[in-house]
Amino acid sequence: MKISRSKKYVTDQMLGALLREFEAGTDISSGGLSYKHYDFNELYEILPDAFAVKPAVSRSEAIGLFSKALRKCRHAGTMTAEALIKEASAIQHKELAVPLVSFTMWTKFRARSMAHAKGFRLEWRGVKLRSAAHLPKWLRRSEYLLNGVGRIYPDRPHFYGHVILSCDDRNEDRAVDRMMDALQLMLGLLNMYETWRRHTHWGGRDWTEGKLWLGPNQFVFRKKQFRGEERIWYNPDYDAEAWERNPPDVKRVLQVVPRAKKALAALDAHPLRDMLVRAVMLFQDGFASRDSSQRLLRYWSALEQLYVEADAKNGSNEKVIERSLFGELEPELSRWKLAHIARLRNDYVHAGASGDDLHDLCQFLRELLARHINHWIFCGHDLPDHMALLQLVKLPGDKAQLEQLRAMIDRRLGYFRDAPPPSDGAG
C-alpha cells in the first residue's frame, strides 16, 4: 500500500487551508479532541482528494483512513501533508496486519416463486452471492427494536426469497462496501439482460425499467454474529407499494443468470474493468429509479463513463453524442434522439424541469446503452485502456472517410519503410 500527495484536484494552498480550518475548529484537552466548528465532517469528506492511494481503496475507506490520520496529527501538533501521509501509512499498515474474517450479508430478492425453482450463484472478485428461498437458521432474525430508528421487520416484504452475499475482509465497513458494490453490479447485469430488446408501452408512477432492486434492509453478520443491533443498513428509496407491483418470476431471472455469469467472468480481467463496472452500476441506478427524469440522468451518466475521458473537467454532451454513434445503423436519427435527451438532461440538472413523461426516450437510451456496454464487455479485451477505446470511437463514421484515412496512414508508414538507414558516421 503506497500513499502519496496528489495535486490533481487539490493544491498545496487548498490543503493548507483545510489544515488551518481543522486546527482552528478543534481543541485538545485531557478528555481528547473536541470540535468547536460544525464543518469537520465536510473536511473529512474532501480530505482524501488531496492524496493518492495505490492500490486504490473505496471512498468510505479513504475517508476513514485520512480522518484518523488527521486527528492523530492534530494531537501531535504536526499538521502537514508529510505528517498526514506518515500517519495514514502507519494506520494502513496496522490494519493490513489484522487477519481476514468472514462477513455475510443478506437482503430480500424481488422475485416471485423462489420456493418452487432452483437457486443460482454468482461471484465477483472475492464476493460470493447465492439466492435462497429460505434463510439458514443462523441468518434468520425476528423483528426487533433499534434505538433511534424503530422496529425492524426482517421478514418484510412477505413471500419473497433472499440473496446472501459473503466475503473475507479485515474491516466491516470495507466488507459491506464490497458486498453492496458487487450486488449493485450483479443486479445491473441481470436487469440489462432481462430487459434486452424489450420495449413496453406503459409507465406511470412507481414504474421502473428494471425489475430487480435492492431490498429494504441489509442484515450483516461477522463470523455468524449479527451486527445490526446498534446500526442498520437500509435502502432509502425502498417503497413497499412499488415493490409489490409486477415483480418478475424467478424463472425469468434464471434465464438470464448464465449471461450475467459470463459477463462477470469477462469483466474480471478486463483492461476496461473499472470503467465498465462504474457504467453498469450507474445503469442499475437508472433501472431502479421510479422517476423517469432521474432514470434518464443516470443512464446518461453511464454513457459518459463510456465515452468521456476519466480526467475530463466536465463531460461535453456533443462529445458523448458523437462517440456514441460509432456503431449505430441510423446515426442521424440516433443523433437527433440523443441531442434531444441531452437537452432534457440539462433542463433537469439545471432547472429541475422535464417532468415524468420520458418513458419512450428512457427506453431508447437504455437499449442503446445496453448494446454498447455488452459490446465492450465481450469485444473490448484487445484494447489496452480507456484512451484506446476513445481513439477508436473518435474515428470517422463514414466508410469513404475511413478508406481515405487508411490510405493516408499507409502512405505515412511508407516513409518509415522506405527511409534510408541511419548514417554510421563513417566518412
Protein backbone atom coordinates (compact mmCIF):
# COMPACT_ATOMS: atom_id res chain seq x y z
CA MET A 1 0.00 0.00 0.00
CA LYS A 2 1.51 3.31 -1.10
CA ILE A 3 0.14 6.73 -0.16
CA SER A 4 1.40 9.88 -1.86
CA ARG A 5 0.45 13.53 -2.21
CA SER A 6 -1.75 14.24 -5.25
CA LYS A 7 -2.18 17.75 -6.66
CA LYS A 8 -4.59 16.64 -9.37
CA TYR A 9 -7.55 18.24 -7.60
CA VAL A 10 -6.02 19.89 -4.52
CA THR A 11 -3.23 22.48 -4.47
CA ASP A 12 -0.87 22.99 -1.55
CA GLN A 13 -2.72 26.22 -0.75
CA MET A 14 -6.08 24.38 -0.62
CA LEU A 15 -4.72 21.62 1.62
CA GLY A 16 -3.08 24.22 3.88
CA ALA A 17 -6.44 25.99 4.22
CA LEU A 18 -8.11 22.74 5.30
CA LEU A 19 -5.43 22.02 7.91
CA ARG A 20 -5.70 25.55 9.34
CA GLU A 21 -9.51 25.29 9.43
CA PHE A 22 -9.37 21.95 11.25
CA GLU A 23 -6.81 23.24 13.74
CA ALA A 24 -8.83 26.38 14.44
CA GLY A 25 -12.05 24.39 14.80
CA THR A 26 -10.77 21.86 17.35
CA ASP A 27 -9.39 21.87 20.88
CA ILE A 28 -7.09 19.39 22.61
CA SER A 29 -7.70 18.67 26.28
CA SER A 30 -7.21 15.85 28.75
CA GLY A 31 -10.53 14.46 27.51
CA GLY A 32 -9.26 14.26 23.95
CA LEU A 33 -10.25 16.13 20.79
CA SER A 34 -13.31 18.38 20.84
CA TYR A 35 -14.90 20.27 17.97
CA LYS A 36 -15.77 23.97 18.02
CA HIS A 37 -16.98 24.17 14.41
CA TYR A 38 -19.73 22.15 12.74
CA ASP A 39 -17.97 21.58 9.40
CA PHE A 40 -15.48 18.90 10.48
CA ASN A 41 -17.40 16.16 8.64
CA GLU A 42 -17.23 18.23 5.46
CA LEU A 43 -13.46 18.39 5.86
CA TYR A 44 -13.25 14.62 6.38
CA GLU A 45 -15.28 14.12 3.17
CA ILE A 46 -12.95 16.16 0.95
CA LEU A 47 -9.58 15.34 2.56
CA PRO A 48 -8.95 12.12 0.51
CA ASP A 49 -8.96 14.24 -2.69
CA ALA A 50 -5.50 15.51 -1.69
CA PHE A 51 -3.87 12.06 -1.74
CA ALA A 52 -3.39 9.05 -3.99
CA VAL A 53 -3.61 5.53 -2.57
CA LYS A 54 -2.33 2.55 -4.55
CA PRO A 55 -3.87 0.10 -4.84
CA ALA A 56 -6.99 2.23 -4.71
CA VAL A 57 -9.39 1.94 -1.77
CA SER A 58 -13.09 2.73 -1.61
CA ARG A 59 -14.23 6.27 -0.91
CA SER A 60 -15.63 5.41 2.51
CA GLU A 61 -12.40 3.59 3.44
CA ALA A 62 -10.31 6.57 2.33
CA ILE A 63 -12.44 8.96 4.41
CA GLY A 64 -11.99 6.75 7.48
CA LEU A 65 -8.25 6.38 6.90
CA PHE A 66 -7.40 10.06 6.40
CA SER A 67 -9.77 11.34 9.10
CA LYS A 68 -7.99 9.09 11.62
CA ALA A 69 -4.62 10.35 10.37
CA LEU A 70 -5.81 13.98 10.63
CA ARG A 71 -6.90 13.52 14.25
CA LYS A 72 -3.59 11.90 15.13
CA CYS A 73 -1.71 14.78 13.52
CA ARG A 74 -3.83 17.28 15.44
CA HIS A 75 -2.96 15.55 18.73
CA ALA A 76 0.72 15.50 17.79
CA GLY A 77 0.74 19.11 16.54
CA THR A 78 2.14 18.04 13.15
CA MET A 79 -0.39 19.45 10.69
CA THR A 80 1.46 18.92 7.41
CA ALA A 81 0.91 16.82 4.29
CA GLU A 82 4.01 14.78 5.05
CA ALA A 83 2.80 14.00 8.57
CA LEU A 84 -0.62 13.02 7.25
CA ILE A 85 0.95 10.58 4.78
CA LYS A 86 3.15 9.11 7.53
CA GLU A 87 0.21 8.63 9.92
CA ALA A 88 -2.11 7.25 7.22
CA SER A 89 0.58 4.79 6.09
CA ALA A 90 1.11 3.60 9.66
CA ILE A 91 -2.64 3.17 10.21
CA GLN A 92 -2.99 1.26 6.95
CA HIS A 93 0.00 -0.95 7.74
CA LYS A 94 -1.53 -1.81 11.12
CA GLU A 95 -4.94 -2.53 9.60
CA LEU A 96 -3.41 -4.79 6.94
CA ALA A 97 -1.84 -6.88 9.69
CA VAL A 98 -5.30 -7.78 11.01
CA PRO A 99 -6.28 -11.31 9.87
CA LEU A 100 -9.16 -11.77 7.44
CA VAL A 101 -12.54 -12.75 8.89
CA SER A 102 -15.75 -13.86 7.22
CA PHE A 103 -18.64 -11.43 6.69
CA THR A 104 -22.11 -12.28 5.44
CA MET A 105 -24.95 -10.03 4.35
CA TRP A 106 -28.46 -10.83 3.17
CA THR A 107 -31.35 -8.85 1.77
CA LYS A 108 -34.71 -9.57 0.18
CA PHE A 109 -34.71 -10.53 -3.51
CA ARG A 110 -37.56 -9.17 -5.63
CA ALA A 111 -38.61 -12.32 -7.47
CA ARG A 112 -41.71 -14.44 -7.04
CA SER A 113 -41.95 -18.22 -6.64
CA MET A 114 -38.41 -18.74 -5.38
CA ALA A 115 -39.56 -21.72 -3.30
CA HIS A 116 -40.56 -23.52 -6.50
CA ALA A 117 -37.35 -23.05 -8.50
CA LYS A 118 -33.68 -23.83 -8.16
CA GLY A 119 -31.33 -21.20 -6.81
CA PHE A 120 -28.40 -19.53 -8.53
CA ARG A 121 -24.87 -18.46 -7.65
CA LEU A 122 -22.69 -15.60 -8.86
CA GLU A 123 -19.23 -14.40 -7.85
CA TRP A 124 -17.34 -11.14 -8.25
CA ARG A 125 -13.76 -10.58 -7.08
CA GLY A 126 -13.99 -12.47 -3.81
CA VAL A 127 -17.66 -11.75 -3.12
CA LYS A 128 -19.94 -14.77 -3.42
CA LEU A 129 -23.69 -14.44 -3.94
CA ARG A 130 -26.34 -17.12 -3.76
CA SER A 131 -30.10 -16.99 -3.83
CA ALA A 132 -32.20 -18.74 -1.20
CA ALA A 133 -35.92 -19.25 -0.85
CA HIS A 134 -35.39 -19.74 2.91
CA LEU A 135 -32.55 -18.47 5.08
CA PRO A 136 -30.28 -20.80 7.05
CA LYS A 137 -31.22 -20.77 10.73
CA TRP A 138 -28.20 -18.73 11.83
CA LEU A 139 -29.13 -15.88 9.46
CA ARG A 140 -32.76 -15.58 10.49
CA ARG A 141 -33.87 -12.62 12.56
CA SER A 142 -37.22 -11.93 14.18
CA GLU A 143 -38.45 -8.36 14.42
CA TYR A 144 -36.55 -6.16 16.89
CA LEU A 145 -36.32 -2.59 18.14
CA LEU A 146 -33.38 -0.44 17.07
CA ASN A 147 -32.86 2.65 19.22
CA GLY A 148 -33.35 5.87 17.27
CA VAL A 149 -34.83 4.00 14.30
CA GLY A 150 -37.82 1.98 15.48
CA ARG A 151 -38.97 -1.56 14.84
CA ILE A 152 -37.16 -3.55 12.16
CA TYR A 153 -39.08 -6.30 10.33
CA PRO A 154 -36.56 -8.60 8.59
CA ASP A 155 -39.30 -10.81 7.11
CA ARG A 156 -40.92 -7.97 5.15
CA PRO A 157 -41.89 -7.89 2.38
CA HIS A 158 -43.51 -11.31 2.81
CA PHE A 159 -43.48 -14.16 0.27
CA TYR A 160 -40.10 -13.30 -1.26
CA GLY A 161 -36.75 -15.04 -1.13
CA HIS A 162 -33.30 -13.68 -0.39
CA VAL A 163 -29.83 -13.13 -1.77
CA ILE A 164 -26.95 -13.98 0.56
CA LEU A 165 -23.52 -12.44 -0.01
CA SER A 166 -20.26 -13.33 1.70
CA CYS A 167 -16.62 -12.28 1.62
CA ASP A 168 -13.49 -12.28 3.75
CA ASP A 169 -12.08 -8.95 4.90
CA ARG A 170 -10.32 -7.21 7.76
CA ASN A 171 -12.82 -4.42 8.22
CA GLU A 172 -16.61 -4.49 8.49
CA ASP A 173 -17.26 -1.26 6.61
CA ARG A 174 -14.97 -2.31 3.78
CA ALA A 175 -16.64 -5.75 3.64
CA VAL A 176 -20.09 -4.14 3.42
CA ASP A 177 -18.90 -1.75 0.70
CA ARG A 178 -17.57 -4.67 -1.33
CA MET A 179 -20.73 -6.73 -0.95
CA MET A 180 -23.02 -3.79 -1.74
CA ASP A 181 -20.98 -2.87 -4.83
CA ALA A 182 -20.98 -6.48 -6.02
CA LEU A 183 -24.73 -6.69 -5.53
CA GLN A 184 -25.26 -3.45 -7.46
CA LEU A 185 -23.12 -4.78 -10.32
CA MET A 186 -24.87 -8.15 -10.39
CA LEU A 187 -28.36 -6.62 -10.30
CA GLY A 188 -27.35 -4.22 -13.07
CA LEU A 189 -26.24 -7.07 -15.33
CA LEU A 190 -29.32 -9.17 -14.57
CA ASN A 191 -31.58 -6.20 -15.35
CA MET A 192 -29.63 -5.40 -18.50
CA TYR A 193 -30.15 -8.89 -19.92
CA GLU A 194 -33.69 -9.30 -18.58
CA THR A 195 -34.78 -6.11 -20.42
CA TRP A 196 -32.75 -6.87 -23.58
CA ARG A 197 -34.74 -5.68 -26.62
CA ARG A 198 -37.90 -5.44 -24.55
CA HIS A 199 -39.98 -2.35 -25.19
CA THR A 200 -43.10 -1.61 -23.18
CA HIS A 201 -45.83 0.94 -23.84
CA TRP A 202 -46.89 1.77 -20.32
CA GLY A 203 -45.36 3.72 -17.49
CA GLY A 204 -46.71 5.91 -14.75
CA ARG A 205 -45.90 6.41 -11.11
CA ASP A 206 -43.70 3.83 -9.40
CA TRP A 207 -42.82 2.20 -12.73
CA THR A 208 -39.22 1.10 -13.19
CA GLU A 209 -37.42 -0.26 -16.23
CA GLY A 210 -35.52 -2.84 -14.20
CA LYS A 211 -37.40 -5.36 -12.08
CA LEU A 212 -34.60 -6.21 -9.64
CA TRP A 213 -33.75 -3.71 -6.89
CA LEU A 214 -32.09 -3.57 -3.51
CA GLY A 215 -34.24 -4.88 -0.66
CA PRO A 216 -35.47 -2.62 2.19
CA ASN A 217 -32.76 -3.64 4.69
CA GLN A 218 -29.42 -5.40 4.58
CA PHE A 219 -28.50 -7.59 7.55
CA VAL A 220 -24.78 -8.06 8.25
CA PHE A 221 -23.00 -10.82 10.21
CA ARG A 222 -19.38 -11.13 11.29
CA LYS A 223 -18.32 -14.72 11.92
CA LYS A 224 -22.01 -15.62 12.18
CA GLN A 225 -22.56 -12.89 14.79
CA PHE A 226 -25.32 -10.39 13.93
CA ARG A 227 -24.01 -6.84 13.59
CA GLY A 228 -27.30 -4.97 13.35
CA GLU A 229 -28.20 -4.47 16.99
CA GLU A 230 -26.71 -0.96 17.04
CA ARG A 231 -26.68 0.09 13.40
CA ILE A 232 -28.60 -0.66 10.23
CA TRP A 233 -28.01 -0.74 6.52
CA TYR A 234 -31.09 0.22 4.56
CA ASN A 235 -32.34 1.29 1.13
CA PRO A 236 -33.59 4.90 1.40
CA ASP A 237 -35.53 4.52 -1.88
CA TYR A 238 -37.49 1.45 -0.82
CA ASP A 239 -41.24 1.71 -1.40
CA ALA A 240 -43.42 -1.18 -0.23
CA GLU A 241 -46.21 -0.48 -2.74
CA ALA A 242 -43.80 -0.25 -5.66
CA TRP A 243 -42.04 -3.47 -4.59
CA GLU A 244 -45.31 -5.39 -4.93
CA ARG A 245 -46.05 -4.03 -8.39
CA ASN A 246 -45.23 -6.57 -11.16
CA PRO A 247 -42.25 -8.39 -9.62
CA PRO A 248 -40.60 -10.87 -12.00
CA ASP A 249 -40.95 -14.60 -11.69
CA VAL A 250 -37.69 -16.22 -10.62
CA LYS A 251 -37.79 -18.46 -13.71
CA ARG A 252 -37.26 -15.35 -15.86
CA VAL A 253 -34.30 -14.37 -13.70
CA LEU A 254 -32.80 -17.84 -14.05
CA GLN A 255 -32.96 -17.48 -17.84
CA VAL A 256 -30.55 -14.54 -17.78
CA VAL A 257 -28.25 -15.68 -14.95
CA PRO A 258 -25.89 -17.54 -17.38
CA ARG A 259 -25.40 -14.35 -19.42
CA ALA A 260 -24.67 -12.33 -16.28
CA LYS A 261 -22.23 -15.02 -15.15
CA LYS A 262 -20.37 -14.83 -18.49
CA ALA A 263 -20.25 -11.04 -18.26
CA LEU A 264 -18.79 -11.16 -14.74
CA ALA A 265 -16.13 -13.62 -15.89
CA ALA A 266 -15.29 -11.40 -18.87
CA LEU A 267 -15.05 -8.32 -16.66
CA ASP A 268 -12.76 -9.89 -14.07
CA ALA A 269 -9.52 -9.48 -16.05
CA HIS A 270 -10.82 -6.84 -18.46
CA PRO A 271 -8.48 -3.89 -19.22
CA LEU A 272 -11.56 -1.61 -19.12
CA ARG A 273 -12.98 -3.25 -15.98
CA ASP A 274 -13.18 -0.24 -13.68
CA MET A 275 -14.86 1.96 -16.27
CA LEU A 276 -17.34 -0.72 -17.31
CA VAL A 277 -18.21 -1.60 -13.71
CA ARG A 278 -18.94 2.06 -12.96
CA ALA A 279 -21.15 2.25 -16.06
CA VAL A 280 -23.13 -0.86 -15.08
CA MET A 281 -23.63 0.41 -11.53
CA LEU A 282 -24.96 3.74 -12.84
CA PHE A 283 -27.14 1.75 -15.21
CA GLN A 284 -28.59 -0.09 -12.21
CA ASP A 285 -29.34 3.24 -10.51
CA GLY A 286 -31.42 4.10 -13.55
CA PHE A 287 -33.08 0.68 -13.65
CA ALA A 288 -34.24 1.09 -10.03
CA SER A 289 -35.45 4.70 -10.33
CA ARG A 290 -39.22 5.29 -10.31
CA ASP A 291 -38.78 8.83 -11.66
CA SER A 292 -38.11 8.93 -15.40
CA SER A 293 -36.15 12.21 -15.21
CA GLN A 294 -33.76 10.70 -12.65
CA ARG A 295 -33.62 7.49 -14.69
CA LEU A 296 -32.61 9.42 -17.81
CA LEU A 297 -29.95 11.28 -15.84
CA ARG A 298 -28.36 8.06 -14.55
CA TYR A 299 -28.44 6.44 -17.99
CA TRP A 300 -26.71 9.50 -19.44
CA SER A 301 -24.08 9.38 -16.67
CA ALA A 302 -23.41 5.74 -17.57
CA LEU A 303 -22.95 6.78 -21.21
CA GLU A 304 -20.49 9.46 -20.06
CA GLN A 305 -18.49 6.79 -18.26
CA LEU A 306 -18.05 5.00 -21.58
CA TYR A 307 -17.27 7.96 -23.83
CA VAL A 308 -15.73 10.79 -21.76
CA GLU A 309 -12.12 10.87 -20.58
CA ALA A 310 -11.81 9.92 -16.91
CA ASP A 311 -9.87 13.11 -16.05
CA ALA A 312 -12.10 15.46 -18.06
CA LYS A 313 -13.15 18.52 -16.07
CA ASN A 314 -16.69 18.10 -17.33
CA GLY A 315 -18.45 15.99 -19.93
CA SER A 316 -19.43 17.54 -23.23
CA ASN A 317 -22.85 16.43 -24.45
CA GLU A 318 -21.72 16.80 -28.05
CA LYS A 319 -18.68 14.62 -27.37
CA VAL A 320 -20.86 11.91 -25.83
CA ILE A 321 -23.31 12.02 -28.74
CA GLU A 322 -20.69 11.77 -31.48
CA ARG A 323 -18.80 8.94 -29.81
CA SER A 324 -21.99 7.00 -29.05
CA LEU A 325 -22.90 6.87 -32.74
CA PHE A 326 -19.95 4.78 -33.89
CA GLY A 327 -22.00 1.57 -34.13
CA GLU A 328 -25.46 2.91 -34.98
CA LEU A 329 -27.14 1.83 -38.22
CA GLU A 330 -29.17 5.07 -38.40
CA PRO A 331 -26.70 7.60 -36.97
CA GLU A 332 -28.62 10.73 -37.97
CA LEU A 333 -31.84 9.66 -36.30
CA SER A 334 -29.95 8.44 -33.23
CA ARG A 335 -28.04 11.76 -33.14
CA TRP A 336 -31.35 13.63 -33.09
CA LYS A 337 -32.71 11.47 -30.25
CA LEU A 338 -29.51 11.76 -28.21
CA ALA A 339 -29.37 15.54 -28.71
CA HIS A 340 -32.98 15.77 -27.53
CA ILE A 341 -32.15 13.63 -24.48
CA ALA A 342 -29.11 15.83 -23.74
CA ARG A 343 -31.30 18.93 -23.68
CA LEU A 344 -33.77 17.23 -21.35
CA ARG A 345 -30.91 16.12 -19.15
CA ASN A 346 -29.61 19.70 -18.94
CA ASP A 347 -33.08 21.02 -18.15
CA TYR A 348 -33.39 18.54 -15.30
CA VAL A 349 -29.92 19.20 -13.88
CA HIS A 350 -30.06 23.00 -14.09
CA ALA A 351 -33.73 23.78 -13.58
CA GLY A 352 -35.38 20.65 -12.20
CA ALA A 353 -37.61 20.56 -15.28
CA SER A 354 -38.69 17.86 -17.76
CA GLY A 355 -41.45 16.14 -15.78
CA ASP A 356 -42.25 12.43 -15.75
CA ASP A 357 -43.14 11.81 -19.39
CA LEU A 358 -39.84 10.40 -20.65
CA HIS A 359 -40.83 6.75 -20.87
CA ASP A 360 -40.02 6.16 -24.55
CA LEU A 361 -36.78 8.17 -24.58
CA CYS A 362 -35.58 6.31 -21.49
CA GLN A 363 -36.16 3.03 -23.29
CA PHE A 364 -34.28 4.23 -26.37
CA LEU A 365 -31.30 5.27 -24.23
CA ARG A 366 -31.49 2.07 -22.17
CA GLU A 367 -31.41 -0.11 -25.30
CA LEU A 368 -28.51 1.85 -26.79
CA LEU A 369 -26.57 1.74 -23.53
CA ALA A 370 -27.13 -1.99 -23.09
CA ARG A 371 -25.78 -2.70 -26.59
CA HIS A 372 -22.69 -0.58 -26.00
CA ILE A 373 -21.89 -1.95 -22.53
CA ASN A 374 -22.38 -5.53 -23.70
CA HIS A 375 -20.20 -4.89 -26.77
CA TRP A 376 -17.26 -3.57 -24.76
CA ILE A 377 -17.55 -6.30 -22.12
CA PHE A 378 -17.13 -9.05 -24.71
CA CYS A 379 -15.30 -7.23 -27.56
CA GLY A 380 -13.02 -4.83 -25.72
CA HIS A 381 -10.37 -7.16 -24.30
CA ASP A 382 -7.90 -6.24 -27.04
CA LEU A 383 -7.97 -2.54 -26.09
CA PRO A 384 -5.15 -1.69 -23.67
CA ASP A 385 -7.02 1.09 -21.87
CA HIS A 386 -9.90 3.55 -21.99
CA MET A 387 -7.97 6.03 -24.11
CA ALA A 388 -7.60 3.37 -26.82
CA LEU A 389 -11.38 2.89 -26.81
CA LEU A 390 -11.90 6.63 -27.17
CA GLN A 391 -9.41 6.79 -30.04
CA LEU A 392 -11.36 4.05 -31.80
CA VAL A 393 -14.81 5.64 -31.44
CA LYS A 394 -13.45 9.06 -32.46
CA LEU A 395 -12.61 7.73 -35.92
CA PRO A 396 -14.99 8.91 -38.70
CA GLY A 397 -18.25 7.03 -39.07
CA ASP A 398 -18.26 7.33 -42.85
CA LYS A 399 -16.75 4.41 -44.81
CA ALA A 400 -15.29 6.65 -47.54
CA GLN A 401 -13.60 8.82 -44.94
CA LEU A 402 -12.14 5.76 -43.22
CA GLU A 403 -10.77 4.46 -46.54
CA GLN A 404 -9.20 7.84 -47.22
CA LEU A 405 -7.73 7.92 -43.71
CA ARG A 406 -6.33 4.40 -44.13
CA ALA A 407 -4.66 5.43 -47.39
CA MET A 408 -3.06 8.41 -45.68
CA ILE A 409 -1.85 6.24 -42.79
CA ASP A 410 -0.37 3.67 -45.22
CA ARG A 411 1.37 6.48 -47.05
CA ARG A 412 2.78 7.88 -43.81
CA LEU A 413 4.01 4.43 -42.77
CA GLY A 414 5.75 4.19 -46.13
CA TYR A 415 8.14 6.94 -45.10
CA PHE A 416 9.40 4.68 -42.32
CA ARG A 417 9.65 1.64 -44.62
CA ASP A 418 11.47 3.50 -47.40
CA ALA A 419 13.72 5.69 -45.26
CA PRO A 420 17.47 5.13 -45.78
CA PRO A 421 19.38 3.52 -42.92
CA PRO A 422 20.92 5.98 -40.44
CA SER A 423 24.48 7.05 -41.09
CA ASP A 424 27.13 5.27 -39.01
CA GLY A 425 29.32 8.40 -39.13
CA ALA A 426 31.92 6.88 -41.49
CA GLY A 427 33.45 9.35 -43.98
